[in-house]
Amino acid sequence: MSEIIERNRAEAKAEVIIEVAIELLKEKMPEEMIARVTKLTVEQVKEIGKKNALI
């Protein structure tokens, strides 16, 4: 059961990080800085931006 809880926490954390990245992209923060702050790769940030029509 704790494995399920841990997986849910990890998924929730990932969702929050994506939401933060989206908001930072909306504010025109450089992709490299977003990657550094969120611990995502630059490619992940670009993918998030493209999926949300921000890049």
N, C-alpha and C. Protein backbone atom coordinates (compact mmCIF):
# COMPACT_ATOMS: atom_id res chain seq x y z
N MET A 1 0.83 -1.20 0.00
CA MET A 1 0.00 0.00 0.00
C MET A 1 0.87 1.25 0.00
N SER A 2 1.96 1.27 0.74
CA SER A 2 2.80 2.46 0.78
C SER A 2 3.42 2.74 -0.59
N GLU A 3 3.60 1.70 -1.40
CA GLU A 3 4.12 1.89 -2.75
C GLU A 3 3.16 2.73 -3.58
N ILE A 4 1.88 2.49 -3.43
CA ILE A 4 0.86 3.26 -4.15
C ILE A 4 0.88 4.71 -3.69
N ILE A 5 0.99 4.92 -2.39
CA ILE A 5 1.04 6.28 -1.84
C ILE A 5 2.25 7.02 -2.37
N GLU A 6 3.40 6.36 -2.37
CA GLU A 6 4.63 6.99 -2.87
C GLU A 6 4.50 7.33 -4.35
N ARG A 7 3.91 6.45 -5.13
CA ARG A 7 3.73 6.71 -6.56
C ARG A 7 2.79 7.90 -6.77
N ASN A 8 1.72 7.96 -5.98
CA ASN A 8 0.79 9.09 -6.08
C ASN A 8 1.48 10.40 -5.71
N ARG A 9 2.32 10.38 -4.69
CA ARG A 9 3.06 11.58 -4.31
C ARG A 9 4.00 12.02 -5.41
N ALA A 10 4.68 11.07 -6.02
CA ALA A 10 5.62 11.38 -7.10
C ALA A 10 4.87 11.98 -8.29
N GLU A 11 3.71 11.41 -8.61
CA GLU A 11 2.92 11.94 -9.72
C GLU A 11 2.41 13.34 -9.42
N ALA A 12 1.98 13.56 -8.18
CA ALA A 12 1.50 14.89 -7.80
C ALA A 12 2.63 15.91 -7.86
N LYS A 13 3.81 15.52 -7.41
CA LYS A 13 4.97 16.41 -7.45
C LYS A 13 5.31 16.75 -8.89
N ALA A 14 5.28 15.76 -9.78
CA ALA A 14 5.58 16.00 -11.19
C ALA A 14 4.56 16.98 -11.79
N GLU A 15 3.30 16.84 -11.43
CA GLU A 15 2.26 17.73 -11.95
C GLU A 15 2.51 19.17 -11.49
N VAL A 16 2.91 19.34 -10.25
CA VAL A 16 3.18 20.68 -9.72
C VAL A 16 4.38 21.30 -10.45
N ILE A 17 5.41 20.50 -10.68
CA ILE A 17 6.58 21.00 -11.39
C ILE A 17 6.21 21.45 -12.79
N ILE A 18 5.38 20.69 -13.47
CA ILE A 18 4.92 21.07 -14.81
C ILE A 18 4.12 22.36 -14.75
N GLU A 19 3.24 22.49 -13.77
CA GLU A 19 2.45 23.72 -13.62
C GLU A 19 3.36 24.92 -13.39
N VAL A 20 4.38 24.75 -12.58
CA VAL A 20 5.33 25.84 -12.32
C VAL A 20 6.05 26.20 -13.62
N ALA A 21 6.50 25.20 -14.36
CA ALA A 21 7.19 25.45 -15.62
C ALA A 21 6.29 26.22 -16.58
N ILE A 22 5.02 25.87 -16.65
CA ILE A 22 4.08 26.57 -17.52
C ILE A 22 3.96 28.03 -17.11
N GLU A 23 3.81 28.28 -15.84
CA GLU A 23 3.68 29.66 -15.36
C GLU A 23 4.95 30.46 -15.64
N LEU A 24 6.12 29.85 -15.47
CA LEU A 24 7.37 30.55 -15.75
C LEU A 24 7.51 30.82 -17.24
N LEU A 25 7.08 29.90 -18.09
CA LEU A 25 7.09 30.14 -19.53
C LEU A 25 6.17 31.31 -19.89
N LYS A 26 5.01 31.37 -19.25
CA LYS A 26 4.09 32.48 -19.49
C LYS A 26 4.73 33.81 -19.13
N GLU A 27 5.60 33.80 -18.14
CA GLU A 27 6.30 35.02 -17.71
C GLU A 27 7.55 35.30 -18.54
N LYS A 28 7.74 34.48 -19.58
CA LYS A 28 8.87 34.65 -20.52
C LYS A 28 10.24 34.40 -19.89
N MET A 29 10.28 33.57 -18.85
CA MET A 29 11.56 33.21 -18.24
C MET A 29 12.31 32.32 -19.24
N PRO A 30 13.62 32.49 -19.36
CA PRO A 30 14.39 31.65 -20.29
C PRO A 30 14.26 30.17 -19.96
N GLU A 31 14.19 29.36 -21.00
CA GLU A 31 14.02 27.92 -20.83
C GLU A 31 15.13 27.31 -19.98
N GLU A 32 16.35 27.78 -20.16
CA GLU A 32 17.48 27.24 -19.40
C GLU A 32 17.31 27.50 -17.90
N MET A 33 16.80 28.67 -17.56
CA MET A 33 16.59 29.01 -16.16
C MET A 33 15.46 28.17 -15.57
N ILE A 34 14.40 27.98 -16.34
CA ILE A 34 13.28 27.14 -15.88
C ILE A 34 13.79 25.73 -15.61
N ALA A 35 14.62 25.22 -16.51
CA ALA A 35 15.17 23.88 -16.32
C ALA A 35 16.00 23.81 -15.04
N ARG A 36 16.79 24.82 -14.81
CA ARG A 36 17.63 24.83 -13.61
C ARG A 36 16.78 24.88 -12.34
N VAL A 37 15.75 25.70 -12.34
CA VAL A 37 14.91 25.89 -11.16
C VAL A 37 14.03 24.65 -10.88
N THR A 38 13.49 24.06 -11.94
CA THR A 38 12.55 22.95 -11.77
C THR A 38 13.21 21.57 -11.78
N LYS A 39 14.49 21.53 -12.13
CA LYS A 39 15.24 20.27 -12.26
C LYS A 39 14.76 19.44 -13.45
N LEU A 40 14.07 20.09 -14.41
CA LEU A 40 13.71 19.46 -15.67
C LEU A 40 14.86 19.68 -16.65
N THR A 41 14.85 18.95 -17.75
CA THR A 41 15.83 19.23 -18.80
C THR A 41 15.29 20.35 -19.67
N VAL A 42 16.18 20.98 -20.40
CA VAL A 42 15.75 22.04 -21.33
C VAL A 42 14.77 21.45 -22.34
N GLU A 43 15.04 20.23 -22.79
CA GLU A 43 14.14 19.58 -23.75
C GLU A 43 12.75 19.37 -23.15
N GLN A 44 12.69 18.98 -21.89
CA GLN A 44 11.39 18.81 -21.24
C GLN A 44 10.65 20.13 -21.15
N VAL A 45 11.37 21.20 -20.83
CA VAL A 45 10.75 22.52 -20.74
C VAL A 45 10.21 22.92 -22.11
N LYS A 46 11.00 22.70 -23.15
CA LYS A 46 10.55 23.04 -24.51
C LYS A 46 9.32 22.23 -24.90
N GLU A 47 9.31 20.95 -24.54
CA GLU A 47 8.16 20.10 -24.85
C GLU A 47 6.90 20.60 -24.13
N ILE A 48 7.05 20.96 -22.87
CA ILE A 48 5.92 21.51 -22.10
C ILE A 48 5.43 22.80 -22.76
N GLY A 49 6.37 23.65 -23.16
CA GLY A 49 6.01 24.90 -23.82
C GLY A 49 5.26 24.67 -25.12
N LYS A 50 5.72 23.73 -25.91
CA LYS A 50 5.06 23.44 -27.18
C LYS A 50 3.67 22.86 -26.97
N LYS A 51 3.54 21.93 -26.00
CA LYS A 51 2.24 21.31 -25.73
C LYS A 51 1.21 22.33 -25.27
N ASN A 52 1.70 23.41 -24.65
CA ASN A 52 0.80 24.43 -24.11
C ASN A 52 0.81 25.71 -24.95
N ALA A 53 1.32 25.61 -26.17
CA ALA A 53 1.36 26.72 -27.13
C ALA A 53 2.01 27.97 -26.53
N LEU A 54 3.12 27.76 -25.80
CA LEU A 54 3.81 28.89 -25.18
C LEU A 54 5.15 29.16 -25.87
N ILE A 55 5.57 28.25 -26.72
CA ILE A 55 6.82 28.44 -27.47
C ILE A 55 6.49 28.35 -28.96
